[in-house]
Amino acid sequence: MYDDVTVVAGGGGFIGGHLVAHLVDEGRRVRAVDRKPPTEWYQVHSDVDNRSLDLQQIEACHEAVNGASEVYNLAADMGGMGFIENNKALCMLSVLINTNLLLAGREAGVDRYFFSSSACVYAAEKQVSSDVTALREEDAYPAMPEDGYGWEKLFSERMCRHFLEDFGVTTRVARYHNVYGEHGTYDGGREKAPAAICRKVIQAKLSGNHEIDVWGDGEQTRSFMYISDCIEGTSKIMASDITEPINLGSSELVSINQLVDIVEEIAGLRMKRNYLLDAPRGVRGRNSDNTLIRKYLDWEPSVSLKEGIERTYRWIHDEISAK
């Protein structure tokens, strides 16, 4: 059993809930912190110090990290592409969370600090083709990230770097590429593509109306990382000697149309696709170059998209059917 406290900021969120479960399994003393009350968290663990705190406030950050040796900062105001494109100011205000947590963590003497960045930091000019060249870590500069959310993540990466260089705070940064899985958002406007498509196919199957709305022309490409790979990679990066931001994502590139194909196969039906060409679609193509993480850790995400989507589909199906 670990004596010191490990803090998970954003512990009520999708990734945070899975990370808390992983840390508890390791025998850690965990403090999960989220702005929402625990009744609204995706997962609540009874053997954890669960606190509702607004981490945009410095006083809340001091309370959150008191007595902590490690801090995982997963807290942010974010969602899928529809939310990101229409809430740029809200996304950028998350910079207050990282700034105040770093200040409070430095004062409290935390040993290690993890920041969950995003592939949205990458320069837009590197992502204009569906047949995209996988993004290397250096492709974030010259800087031209996703407006709003991407700029906040890139700025916060630099803040972590300078707290390491100037103040000696041991910081670790991972650039997440499209994380999906069970116990996450699948409706309401903040869901990401895998969960949204699973939900739409499930609802179509249950209703008998076998049509699906697809944002864009469906030829935009992405890679999607299953939640267990995300948690394993996060833990490995936190414990490593990697001082620069590093990709954490699957290198399995698929188009949105191919993602729909996979979900249709799981559901056992074919659907008419209605392409919404004026809907938010993000960059044309994005994939993770995993050369660096293989070099440092001799590891990379390995759960296939088909395997992960099938697990996610079953969970969302059970959730919808239970309503």
C-alpha atoms as a PDB file:
ATOM      1  CA  MET A   1       0.000   0.000   0.000  1.00  0.00           C
ATOM      2  CA  TYR A   2       1.279   3.433  -0.959  1.00  0.00           C
ATOM      3  CA  ASP A   3       1.486   5.978   1.873  1.00  0.00           C
ATOM      4  CA  ASP A   4       1.242   9.172  -0.167  1.00  0.00           C
ATOM      5  CA  VAL A   5      -1.822  10.383  -2.020  1.00  0.00           C
ATOM      6  CA  THR A   6      -2.162  10.218  -5.785  1.00  0.00           C
ATOM      7  CA  VAL A   7      -4.485  12.883  -7.170  1.00  0.00           C
ATOM      8  CA  VAL A   8      -6.545  12.420 -10.326  1.00  0.00           C
ATOM      9  CA  ALA A   9      -7.881  15.780 -11.502  1.00  0.00           C
ATOM     10  CA  GLY A  10     -10.847  15.121 -13.728  1.00  0.00           C
ATOM     11  CA  GLY A  11     -11.467  11.904 -11.816  1.00  0.00           C
ATOM     12  CA  GLY A  12     -15.179  12.074 -12.585  1.00  0.00           C
ATOM     13  CA  GLY A  13     -14.581  12.007 -16.318  1.00  0.00           C
ATOM     14  CA  PHE A  14     -14.296   9.150 -18.774  1.00  0.00           C
ATOM     15  CA  ILE A  15     -10.518   8.633 -18.757  1.00  0.00           C
ATOM     16  CA  GLY A  16     -10.222   9.791 -15.145  1.00  0.00           C
ATOM     17  CA  GLY A  17     -12.654   7.163 -13.900  1.00  0.00           C
ATOM     18  CA  HIS A  18     -10.679   4.380 -15.565  1.00  0.00           C
ATOM     19  CA  LEU A  19      -7.390   5.772 -14.265  1.00  0.00           C
ATOM     20  CA  VAL A  20      -8.734   5.927 -10.704  1.00  0.00           C
ATOM     21  CA  ALA A  21      -9.786   2.268 -10.953  1.00  0.00           C
ATOM     22  CA  HIS A  22      -6.319   1.322 -12.214  1.00  0.00           C
ATOM     23  CA  LEU A  23      -4.551   3.188  -9.404  1.00  0.00           C
ATOM     24  CA  VAL A  24      -6.807   1.617  -6.770  1.00  0.00           C
ATOM     25  CA  ASP A  25      -5.974  -1.819  -8.180  1.00  0.00           C
ATOM     26  CA  GLU A  26      -2.303  -0.950  -7.718  1.00  0.00           C
ATOM     27  CA  GLY A  27      -2.939  -0.280  -4.036  1.00  0.00           C
ATOM     28  CA  ARG A  28      -2.679   3.500  -4.260  1.00  0.00           C
ATOM     29  CA  ARG A  29      -4.326   5.999  -1.955  1.00  0.00           C
ATOM     30  CA  VAL A  30      -6.321   7.999  -4.493  1.00  0.00           C
ATOM     31  CA  ARG A  31      -8.012  11.379  -4.306  1.00  0.00           C
ATOM     32  CA  ALA A  32     -10.373  11.891  -7.245  1.00  0.00           C
ATOM     33  CA  VAL A  33     -11.319  15.493  -7.952  1.00  0.00           C
ATOM     34  CA  ASP A  34     -13.871  16.877 -10.387  1.00  0.00           C
ATOM     35  CA  ARG A  35     -15.977  20.010 -10.738  1.00  0.00           C
ATOM     36  CA  LYS A  36     -19.152  17.951 -11.027  1.00  0.00           C
ATOM     37  CA  PRO A  37     -20.603  16.327  -7.894  1.00  0.00           C
ATOM     38  CA  PRO A  38     -19.871  12.578  -7.618  1.00  0.00           C
ATOM     39  CA  THR A  39     -23.503  11.813  -8.452  1.00  0.00           C
ATOM     40  CA  GLU A  40     -22.705  12.971 -11.993  1.00  0.00           C
ATOM     41  CA  TRP A  41     -19.378  11.134 -12.396  1.00  0.00           C
ATOM     42  CA  TYR A  42     -18.970   8.339 -14.921  1.00  0.00           C
ATOM     43  CA  GLN A  43     -17.498   6.062 -12.262  1.00  0.00           C
ATOM     44  CA  VAL A  44     -17.469   6.487  -8.485  1.00  0.00           C
ATOM     45  CA  HIS A  45     -15.177   4.338  -6.358  1.00  0.00           C
ATOM     46  CA  SER A  46     -16.171   4.008  -2.717  1.00  0.00           C
ATOM     47  CA  ASP A  47     -12.617   3.374  -1.479  1.00  0.00           C
ATOM     48  CA  VAL A  48     -11.400   6.716  -2.865  1.00  0.00           C
ATOM     49  CA  ASP A  49     -11.328  10.254  -1.461  1.00  0.00           C
ATOM     50  CA  ASN A  50     -13.860  11.783  -3.867  1.00  0.00           C
ATOM     51  CA  ARG A  51     -14.076  15.580  -3.873  1.00  0.00           C
ATOM     52  CA  SER A  52     -16.073  18.120  -5.869  1.00  0.00           C
ATOM     53  CA  LEU A  53     -13.759  21.099  -6.484  1.00  0.00           C
ATOM     54  CA  ASP A  54     -13.534  23.759  -9.176  1.00  0.00           C
ATOM     55  CA  LEU A  55      -9.889  23.487 -10.192  1.00  0.00           C
ATOM     56  CA  GLN A  56      -9.996  26.746 -12.111  1.00  0.00           C
ATOM     57  CA  GLN A  57      -9.712  28.286  -8.627  1.00  0.00           C
ATOM     58  CA  ILE A  58      -6.284  28.303  -6.965  1.00  0.00           C
ATOM     59  CA  GLU A  59      -7.721  27.626  -3.493  1.00  0.00           C
ATOM     60  CA  ALA A  60      -9.378  24.453  -4.786  1.00  0.00           C
ATOM     61  CA  CYS A  61      -6.078  23.325  -6.315  1.00  0.00           C
ATOM     62  CA  HIS A  62      -4.280  23.745  -2.989  1.00  0.00           C
ATOM     63  CA  GLU A  63      -6.933  21.581  -1.318  1.00  0.00           C
ATOM     64  CA  ALA A  64      -6.721  18.997  -4.103  1.00  0.00           C
ATOM     65  CA  VAL A  65      -2.942  18.448  -3.906  1.00  0.00           C
ATOM     66  CA  ASN A  66      -2.481  18.693  -0.151  1.00  0.00           C
ATOM     67  CA  GLY A  67      -0.380  15.708   0.949  1.00  0.00           C
ATOM     68  CA  ALA A  68      -0.036  14.377  -2.607  1.00  0.00           C
ATOM     69  CA  SER A  69       3.077  12.875  -4.160  1.00  0.00           C
ATOM     70  CA  GLU A  70       1.708  12.533  -7.694  1.00  0.00           C
ATOM     71  CA  VAL A  71      -0.858  14.488  -9.702  1.00  0.00           C
ATOM     72  CA  TYR A  72      -2.532  13.370 -12.916  1.00  0.00           C
ATOM     73  CA  ASN A  73      -4.189  16.329 -14.600  1.00  0.00           C
ATOM     74  CA  LEU A  74      -6.932  15.055 -16.905  1.00  0.00           C
ATOM     75  CA  ALA A  75      -9.336  17.907 -16.112  1.00  0.00           C
ATOM     76  CA  ALA A  76     -10.585  20.014 -19.022  1.00  0.00           C
ATOM     77  CA  ASP A  77     -13.758  21.438 -20.506  1.00  0.00           C
ATOM     78  CA  MET A  78     -13.958  19.475 -23.748  1.00  0.00           C
ATOM     79  CA  GLY A  79     -15.903  17.053 -25.899  1.00  0.00           C
ATOM     80  CA  GLY A  80     -16.163  15.864 -29.478  1.00  0.00           C
ATOM     81  CA  MET A  81     -15.568  18.005 -32.570  1.00  0.00           C
ATOM     82  CA  GLY A  82     -18.997  19.630 -32.371  1.00  0.00           C
ATOM     83  CA  PHE A  83     -18.321  20.888 -28.846  1.00  0.00           C
ATOM     84  CA  ILE A  84     -14.724  21.936 -29.551  1.00  0.00           C
ATOM     85  CA  GLU A  85     -15.609  23.987 -32.628  1.00  0.00           C
ATOM     86  CA  ASN A  86     -18.488  25.784 -30.922  1.00  0.00           C
ATOM     87  CA  ASN A  87     -16.991  26.401 -27.457  1.00  0.00           C
ATOM     88  CA  LYS A  88     -13.489  27.747 -28.049  1.00  0.00           C
ATOM     89  CA  ALA A  89     -13.469  30.131 -25.071  1.00  0.00           C
ATOM     90  CA  LEU A  90     -14.663  27.444 -22.650  1.00  0.00           C
ATOM     91  CA  CYS A  91     -11.960  25.088 -23.932  1.00  0.00           C
ATOM     92  CA  MET A  92      -9.256  27.719 -23.498  1.00  0.00           C
ATOM     93  CA  LEU A  93     -10.335  28.499 -19.936  1.00  0.00           C
ATOM     94  CA  SER A  94      -9.009  25.054 -18.989  1.00  0.00           C
ATOM     95  CA  VAL A  95      -5.583  26.705 -19.001  1.00  0.00           C
ATOM     96  CA  LEU A  96      -6.501  27.967 -15.522  1.00  0.00           C
ATOM     97  CA  ILE A  97      -6.707  24.377 -14.264  1.00  0.00           C
ATOM     98  CA  ASN A  98      -3.233  23.392 -15.395  1.00  0.00           C
ATOM     99  CA  THR A  99      -1.659  26.677 -14.316  1.00  0.00           C
ATOM    100  CA  ASN A 100      -3.167  26.610 -10.836  1.00  0.00           C
ATOM    101  CA  LEU A 101      -2.495  22.901 -10.328  1.00  0.00           C
ATOM    102  CA  LEU A 102       1.151  23.392 -11.260  1.00  0.00           C
ATOM    103  CA  LEU A 103       1.463  26.322  -8.846  1.00  0.00           C
ATOM    104  CA  ALA A 104      -0.219  24.395  -6.052  1.00  0.00           C
ATOM    105  CA  GLY A 105       1.754  21.239  -6.826  1.00  0.00           C
ATOM    106  CA  ARG A 106       5.050  23.085  -6.740  1.00  0.00           C
ATOM    107  CA  GLU A 107       4.193  24.624  -3.367  1.00  0.00           C
ATOM    108  CA  ALA A 108       3.055  21.257  -1.996  1.00  0.00           C
ATOM    109  CA  GLY A 109       6.224  19.544  -3.214  1.00  0.00           C
ATOM    110  CA  VAL A 110       4.580  16.908  -5.426  1.00  0.00           C
ATOM    111  CA  ASP A 111       7.074  14.443  -6.881  1.00  0.00           C
ATOM    112  CA  ARG A 112       5.518  13.972 -10.322  1.00  0.00           C
ATOM    113  CA  TYR A 113       2.924  15.803 -12.402  1.00  0.00           C
ATOM    114  CA  PHE A 114       1.215  14.380 -15.502  1.00  0.00           C
ATOM    115  CA  PHE A 115      -0.599  16.534 -18.061  1.00  0.00           C
ATOM    116  CA  SER A 116      -2.979  15.021 -20.607  1.00  0.00           C
ATOM    117  CA  SER A 117      -2.438  16.940 -23.817  1.00  0.00           C
ATOM    118  CA  SER A 118      -4.019  16.198 -27.177  1.00  0.00           C
ATOM    119  CA  ALA A 119      -3.267  15.519 -30.816  1.00  0.00           C
ATOM    120  CA  CYS A 120      -5.180  18.758 -31.420  1.00  0.00           C
ATOM    121  CA  VAL A 121      -1.869  20.570 -30.772  1.00  0.00           C
ATOM    122  CA  TYR A 122      -0.560  19.529 -34.193  1.00  0.00           C
ATOM    123  CA  ALA A 123      -0.222  22.076 -36.979  1.00  0.00           C
ATOM    124  CA  ALA A 124      -3.250  22.169 -39.263  1.00  0.00           C
ATOM    125  CA  GLU A 125      -1.107  22.228 -42.421  1.00  0.00           C
ATOM    126  CA  LYS A 126       0.130  18.735 -41.542  1.00  0.00           C
ATOM    127  CA  GLN A 127      -3.430  17.348 -41.590  1.00  0.00           C
ATOM    128  CA  VAL A 128      -4.974  18.415 -44.908  1.00  0.00           C
ATOM    129  CA  SER A 129      -5.097  14.975 -46.584  1.00  0.00           C
ATOM    130  CA  SER A 130      -7.045  11.819 -45.720  1.00  0.00           C
ATOM    131  CA  ASP A 131      -3.903   9.885 -46.618  1.00  0.00           C
ATOM    132  CA  VAL A 132      -2.077  11.718 -43.863  1.00  0.00           C
ATOM    133  CA  THR A 133       1.541  11.138 -42.889  1.00  0.00           C
ATOM    134  CA  ALA A 134       1.552  10.015 -39.253  1.00  0.00           C
ATOM    135  CA  LEU A 135       2.257  12.959 -36.959  1.00  0.00           C
ATOM    136  CA  ARG A 136       5.604  13.088 -35.224  1.00  0.00           C
ATOM    137  CA  GLU A 137       6.078  14.998 -32.002  1.00  0.00           C
ATOM    138  CA  GLU A 138       8.065  17.751 -33.741  1.00  0.00           C
ATOM    139  CA  ASP A 139       5.116  18.417 -36.089  1.00  0.00           C
ATOM    140  CA  ALA A 140       3.516  20.606 -33.415  1.00  0.00           C
ATOM    141  CA  TYR A 141       5.830  23.417 -34.534  1.00  0.00           C
ATOM    142  CA  PRO A 142       5.670  25.908 -36.197  1.00  0.00           C
ATOM    143  CA  ALA A 143       2.524  26.213 -34.129  1.00  0.00           C
ATOM    144  CA  MET A 144      -0.926  26.280 -35.714  1.00  0.00           C
ATOM    145  CA  PRO A 145      -3.033  23.942 -33.554  1.00  0.00           C
ATOM    146  CA  GLU A 146      -6.792  23.421 -33.397  1.00  0.00           C
ATOM    147  CA  ASP A 147      -8.287  26.798 -32.546  1.00  0.00           C
ATOM    148  CA  GLY A 148      -9.304  27.101 -28.906  1.00  0.00           C
ATOM    149  CA  TYR A 149      -8.816  23.614 -27.489  1.00  0.00           C
ATOM    150  CA  GLY A 150      -5.546  22.931 -29.310  1.00  0.00           C
ATOM    151  CA  TRP A 151      -4.007  26.274 -28.330  1.00  0.00           C
ATOM    152  CA  GLU A 152      -4.881  25.660 -24.671  1.00  0.00           C
ATOM    153  CA  LYS A 153      -3.215  22.254 -24.771  1.00  0.00           C
ATOM    154  CA  LEU A 154      -0.097  23.545 -26.495  1.00  0.00           C
ATOM    155  CA  PHE A 155       0.259  26.451 -24.064  1.00  0.00           C
ATOM    156  CA  SER A 156      -0.178  24.091 -21.107  1.00  0.00           C
ATOM    157  CA  GLU A 157       2.499  21.782 -22.521  1.00  0.00           C
ATOM    158  CA  ARG A 158       4.910  24.724 -22.511  1.00  0.00           C
ATOM    159  CA  MET A 159       3.906  25.597 -18.972  1.00  0.00           C
ATOM    160  CA  CYS A 160       4.803  22.041 -17.876  1.00  0.00           C
ATOM    161  CA  ARG A 161       8.124  22.309 -19.692  1.00  0.00           C
ATOM    162  CA  HIS A 162       9.074  25.541 -17.974  1.00  0.00           C
ATOM    163  CA  PHE A 163       7.995  24.357 -14.524  1.00  0.00           C
ATOM    164  CA  LEU A 164      10.396  21.458 -15.094  1.00  0.00           C
ATOM    165  CA  GLU A 165      13.219  23.684 -16.345  1.00  0.00           C
ATOM    166  CA  ASP A 166      12.785  26.640 -13.980  1.00  0.00           C
ATOM    167  CA  PHE A 167      11.373  25.079 -10.812  1.00  0.00           C
ATOM    168  CA  GLY A 168      12.425  21.430 -10.999  1.00  0.00           C
ATOM    169  CA  VAL A 169       8.869  20.069 -10.980  1.00  0.00           C
ATOM    170  CA  THR A 170       8.994  16.635 -12.631  1.00  0.00           C
ATOM    171  CA  THR A 171       6.396  16.910 -15.385  1.00  0.00           C
ATOM    172  CA  ARG A 172       5.279  14.350 -17.946  1.00  0.00           C
ATOM    173  CA  VAL A 173       3.093  15.132 -20.996  1.00  0.00           C
ATOM    174  CA  ALA A 174       1.214  12.743 -23.273  1.00  0.00           C
ATOM    175  CA  ARG A 175      -0.625  13.755 -26.427  1.00  0.00           C
ATOM    176  CA  TYR A 176      -3.782  11.637 -26.463  1.00  0.00           C
ATOM    177  CA  HIS A 177      -5.196  10.575 -29.832  1.00  0.00           C
ATOM    178  CA  ASN A 178      -8.988  10.029 -29.737  1.00  0.00           C
ATOM    179  CA  VAL A 179      -9.640   7.828 -26.704  1.00  0.00           C
ATOM    180  CA  TYR A 180     -12.802   5.698 -26.620  1.00  0.00           C
ATOM    181  CA  GLY A 181     -14.342   2.859 -24.617  1.00  0.00           C
ATOM    182  CA  GLU A 182     -16.910   1.967 -21.983  1.00  0.00           C
ATOM    183  CA  HIS A 183     -18.123   4.328 -19.250  1.00  0.00           C
ATOM    184  CA  GLY A 184     -17.881   7.385 -21.463  1.00  0.00           C
ATOM    185  CA  THR A 185     -20.106   9.979 -23.122  1.00  0.00           C
ATOM    186  CA  TYR A 186     -22.206   8.630 -25.980  1.00  0.00           C
ATOM    187  CA  ASP A 187     -24.853  11.349 -26.389  1.00  0.00           C
ATOM    188  CA  GLY A 188     -25.637  14.939 -25.431  1.00  0.00           C
ATOM    189  CA  GLY A 189     -23.206  16.720 -27.769  1.00  0.00           C
ATOM    190  CA  ARG A 190     -19.834  16.031 -26.117  1.00  0.00           C
ATOM    191  CA  GLU A 191     -19.396  12.481 -27.409  1.00  0.00           C
ATOM    192  CA  LYS A 192     -16.642  11.584 -29.866  1.00  0.00           C
ATOM    193  CA  ALA A 193     -16.980   9.730 -33.153  1.00  0.00           C
ATOM    194  CA  PRO A 194     -16.724   6.071 -31.993  1.00  0.00           C
ATOM    195  CA  ALA A 195     -19.364   6.475 -29.282  1.00  0.00           C
ATOM    196  CA  ALA A 196     -21.589   8.663 -31.472  1.00  0.00           C
ATOM    197  CA  ILE A 197     -21.572   6.161 -34.321  1.00  0.00           C
ATOM    198  CA  CYS A 198     -22.209   3.241 -31.954  1.00  0.00           C
ATOM    199  CA  ARG A 199     -25.174   5.109 -30.488  1.00  0.00           C
ATOM    200  CA  LYS A 200     -26.615   6.023 -33.880  1.00  0.00           C
ATOM    201  CA  VAL A 201     -26.365   2.452 -35.173  1.00  0.00           C
ATOM    202  CA  ILE A 202     -27.897   1.036 -31.981  1.00  0.00           C
ATOM    203  CA  GLN A 203     -30.786   3.500 -32.116  1.00  0.00           C
ATOM    204  CA  ALA A 204     -31.336   2.730 -35.801  1.00  0.00           C
ATOM    205  CA  LYS A 205     -31.404  -0.992 -35.113  1.00  0.00           C
ATOM    206  CA  LEU A 206     -33.816  -0.628 -32.197  1.00  0.00           C
ATOM    207  CA  SER A 207     -36.128   1.730 -34.110  1.00  0.00           C
ATOM    208  CA  GLY A 208     -36.029  -0.106 -37.438  1.00  0.00           C
ATOM    209  CA  ASN A 209     -35.081   3.106 -39.261  1.00  0.00           C
ATOM    210  CA  HIS A 210     -31.803   2.003 -40.813  1.00  0.00           C
ATOM    211  CA  GLU A 211     -30.326   5.407 -41.643  1.00  0.00           C
ATOM    212  CA  ILE A 212     -27.358   7.215 -40.127  1.00  0.00           C
ATOM    213  CA  ASP A 213     -26.150  10.805 -40.295  1.00  0.00           C
ATOM    214  CA  VAL A 214     -22.413  11.049 -40.940  1.00  0.00           C
ATOM    215  CA  TRP A 215     -20.600  14.347 -40.392  1.00  0.00           C
ATOM    216  CA  GLY A 216     -18.670  15.363 -43.502  1.00  0.00           C
ATOM    217  CA  ASP A 217     -18.178  13.003 -46.431  1.00  0.00           C
ATOM    218  CA  GLY A 218     -16.921  10.172 -44.206  1.00  0.00           C
ATOM    219  CA  GLU A 219     -13.515  10.099 -45.873  1.00  0.00           C
ATOM    220  CA  GLN A 220     -11.759  12.077 -43.130  1.00  0.00           C
ATOM    221  CA  THR A 221      -9.310   9.797 -41.316  1.00  0.00           C
ATOM    222  CA  ARG A 222      -8.339   9.287 -37.689  1.00  0.00           C
ATOM    223  CA  SER A 223      -6.786   6.785 -35.299  1.00  0.00           C
ATOM    224  CA  PHE A 224      -8.711   5.733 -32.193  1.00  0.00           C
ATOM    225  CA  MET A 225      -7.159   4.412 -28.971  1.00  0.00           C
ATOM    226  CA  TYR A 226      -9.025   2.036 -26.679  1.00  0.00           C
ATOM    227  CA  ILE A 227      -9.219   3.109 -23.037  1.00  0.00           C
ATOM    228  CA  SER A 228      -7.121   0.251 -21.603  1.00  0.00           C
ATOM    229  CA  ASP A 229      -4.211   1.216 -23.874  1.00  0.00           C
ATOM    230  CA  CYS A 230      -4.619   4.842 -22.792  1.00  0.00           C
ATOM    231  CA  ILE A 231      -4.420   3.940 -19.088  1.00  0.00           C
ATOM    232  CA  GLU A 232      -1.445   1.616 -19.550  1.00  0.00           C
ATOM    233  CA  GLY A 233       0.408   4.183 -21.613  1.00  0.00           C
ATOM    234  CA  THR A 234      -0.370   6.981 -19.173  1.00  0.00           C
ATOM    235  CA  SER A 235       1.049   4.953 -16.292  1.00  0.00           C
ATOM    236  CA  LYS A 236       4.176   4.051 -18.246  1.00  0.00           C
ATOM    237  CA  ILE A 237       4.821   7.661 -19.300  1.00  0.00           C
ATOM    238  CA  MET A 238       4.287   8.956 -15.754  1.00  0.00           C
ATOM    239  CA  ALA A 239       6.885   6.502 -14.415  1.00  0.00           C
ATOM    240  CA  SER A 240       9.360   7.135 -17.251  1.00  0.00           C
ATOM    241  CA  ASP A 241      12.225   9.543 -17.792  1.00  0.00           C
ATOM    242  CA  ILE A 242      10.545  11.100 -20.857  1.00  0.00           C
ATOM    243  CA  THR A 243      10.742  14.859 -20.434  1.00  0.00           C
ATOM    244  CA  GLU A 244       9.199  16.009 -23.736  1.00  0.00           C
ATOM    245  CA  PRO A 245       5.580  15.662 -24.924  1.00  0.00           C
ATOM    246  CA  ILE A 246       4.998  12.276 -26.515  1.00  0.00           C
ATOM    247  CA  ASN A 247       2.273  10.725 -28.660  1.00  0.00           C
ATOM    248  CA  LEU A 248      -0.079   8.286 -26.969  1.00  0.00           C
ATOM    249  CA  GLY A 249      -2.370   6.836 -29.602  1.00  0.00           C
ATOM    250  CA  SER A 250      -3.049   3.948 -31.919  1.00  0.00           C
ATOM    251  CA  SER A 251      -1.359   4.012 -35.323  1.00  0.00           C
ATOM    252  CA  GLU A 252      -4.284   2.154 -36.945  1.00  0.00           C
ATOM    253  CA  LEU A 253      -5.616   4.727 -39.430  1.00  0.00           C
ATOM    254  CA  VAL A 254      -9.249   4.460 -40.568  1.00  0.00           C
ATOM    255  CA  SER A 255     -11.756   6.678 -42.317  1.00  0.00           C
ATOM    256  CA  ILE A 256     -15.044   7.548 -40.648  1.00  0.00           C
ATOM    257  CA  ASN A 257     -16.755   5.450 -43.315  1.00  0.00           C
ATOM    258  CA  GLN A 258     -14.598   2.483 -42.317  1.00  0.00           C
ATOM    259  CA  LEU A 259     -15.505   3.098 -38.686  1.00  0.00           C
ATOM    260  CA  VAL A 260     -19.188   2.965 -39.645  1.00  0.00           C
ATOM    261  CA  ASP A 261     -18.470  -0.287 -41.543  1.00  0.00           C
ATOM    262  CA  ILE A 262     -17.041  -1.831 -38.363  1.00  0.00           C
ATOM    263  CA  VAL A 263     -20.022  -0.823 -36.234  1.00  0.00           C
ATOM    264  CA  GLU A 264     -22.474  -2.043 -38.888  1.00  0.00           C
ATOM    265  CA  GLU A 265     -20.724  -5.419 -38.930  1.00  0.00           C
ATOM    266  CA  ILE A 266     -20.996  -5.691 -35.151  1.00  0.00           C
ATOM    267  CA  ALA A 267     -24.692  -4.740 -35.287  1.00  0.00           C
ATOM    268  CA  GLY A 268     -25.383  -7.071 -38.211  1.00  0.00           C
ATOM    269  CA  LEU A 269     -27.014  -4.539 -40.530  1.00  0.00           C
ATOM    270  CA  ARG A 270     -26.324  -2.141 -43.366  1.00  0.00           C
ATOM    271  CA  MET A 271     -27.531   1.435 -43.263  1.00  0.00           C
ATOM    272  CA  LYS A 272     -28.276   4.309 -45.588  1.00  0.00           C
ATOM    273  CA  ARG A 273     -25.723   7.066 -44.918  1.00  0.00           C
ATOM    274  CA  ASN A 274     -26.760  10.704 -44.964  1.00  0.00           C
ATOM    275  CA  TYR A 275     -23.650  12.861 -45.290  1.00  0.00           C
ATOM    276  CA  LEU A 276     -23.912  16.225 -43.526  1.00  0.00           C
ATOM    277  CA  LEU A 277     -21.344  18.250 -45.420  1.00  0.00           C
ATOM    278  CA  ASP A 278     -21.869  21.402 -43.329  1.00  0.00           C
ATOM    279  CA  ALA A 279     -21.332  19.643 -39.974  1.00  0.00           C
ATOM    280  CA  PRO A 280     -18.106  20.068 -37.948  1.00  0.00           C
ATOM    281  CA  ARG A 281     -15.509  17.642 -39.247  1.00  0.00           C
ATOM    282  CA  GLY A 282     -12.135  18.830 -37.932  1.00  0.00           C
ATOM    283  CA  VAL A 283      -8.929  18.224 -39.858  1.00  0.00           C
ATOM    284  CA  ARG A 284      -8.936  16.016 -42.956  1.00  0.00           C
ATOM    285  CA  GLY A 285      -6.573  13.391 -41.592  1.00  0.00           C
ATOM    286  CA  ARG A 286      -4.721  12.617 -38.365  1.00  0.00           C
ATOM    287  CA  ASN A 287      -2.660   9.637 -37.217  1.00  0.00           C
ATOM    288  CA  SER A 288      -0.103   8.925 -34.506  1.00  0.00           C
ATOM    289  CA  ASP A 289       3.563   8.257 -35.284  1.00  0.00           C
ATOM    290  CA  ASN A 290       4.627   5.895 -32.494  1.00  0.00           C
ATOM    291  CA  THR A 291       8.353   5.787 -33.255  1.00  0.00           C
ATOM    292  CA  LEU A 292       9.273   7.738 -30.130  1.00  0.00           C
ATOM    293  CA  ILE A 293       7.114   5.817 -27.642  1.00  0.00           C
ATOM    294  CA  ARG A 294       8.426   2.507 -29.008  1.00  0.00           C
ATOM    295  CA  LYS A 295      11.969   3.822 -28.607  1.00  0.00           C
ATOM    296  CA  TYR A 296      11.485   4.966 -25.020  1.00  0.00           C
ATOM    297  CA  LEU A 297       9.116   2.307 -23.667  1.00  0.00           C
ATOM    298  CA  ASP A 298       9.353  -0.623 -26.114  1.00  0.00           C
ATOM    299  CA  TRP A 299       5.549  -0.430 -26.133  1.00  0.00           C
ATOM    300  CA  GLU A 300       2.656   1.092 -28.039  1.00  0.00           C
ATOM    301  CA  PRO A 301      -1.162   0.761 -27.986  1.00  0.00           C
ATOM    302  CA  SER A 302      -2.142  -2.655 -29.299  1.00  0.00           C
ATOM    303  CA  VAL A 303      -5.930  -3.173 -28.941  1.00  0.00           C
ATOM    304  CA  SER A 304      -7.371  -3.336 -32.459  1.00  0.00           C
ATOM    305  CA  LEU A 305     -10.150  -0.931 -33.382  1.00  0.00           C
ATOM    306  CA  LYS A 306     -12.537  -3.797 -34.124  1.00  0.00           C
ATOM    307  CA  GLU A 307     -11.948  -5.378 -30.719  1.00  0.00           C
ATOM    308  CA  GLY A 308     -12.288  -2.101 -28.820  1.00  0.00           C
ATOM    309  CA  ILE A 309     -15.346  -0.939 -30.745  1.00  0.00           C
ATOM    310  CA  GLU A 310     -17.112  -4.241 -30.137  1.00  0.00           C
ATOM    311  CA  ARG A 311     -16.653  -3.835 -26.364  1.00  0.00           C
ATOM    312  CA  THR A 312     -17.787  -0.212 -26.552  1.00  0.00           C
ATOM    313  CA  TYR A 313     -20.810  -1.080 -28.693  1.00  0.00           C
ATOM    314  CA  ARG A 314     -21.972  -3.757 -26.251  1.00  0.00           C
ATOM    315  CA  TRP A 315     -21.710  -1.352 -23.312  1.00  0.00           C
ATOM    316  CA  ILE A 316     -23.603   1.466 -25.057  1.00  0.00           C
ATOM    317  CA  HIS A 317     -26.241  -1.022 -26.248  1.00  0.00           C
ATOM    318  CA  ASP A 318     -26.825  -2.162 -22.665  1.00  0.00           C
ATOM    319  CA  GLU A 319     -26.989   1.439 -21.450  1.00  0.00           C
ATOM    320  CA  ILE A 320     -29.563   2.455 -24.067  1.00  0.00           C
ATOM    321  CA  SER A 321     -31.612  -0.715 -23.644  1.00  0.00           C
ATOM    322  CA  ALA A 322     -31.790  -0.170 -19.866  1.00  0.00           C
ATOM    323  CA  LYS A 323     -33.440   3.255 -20.243  1.00  0.00           C
END
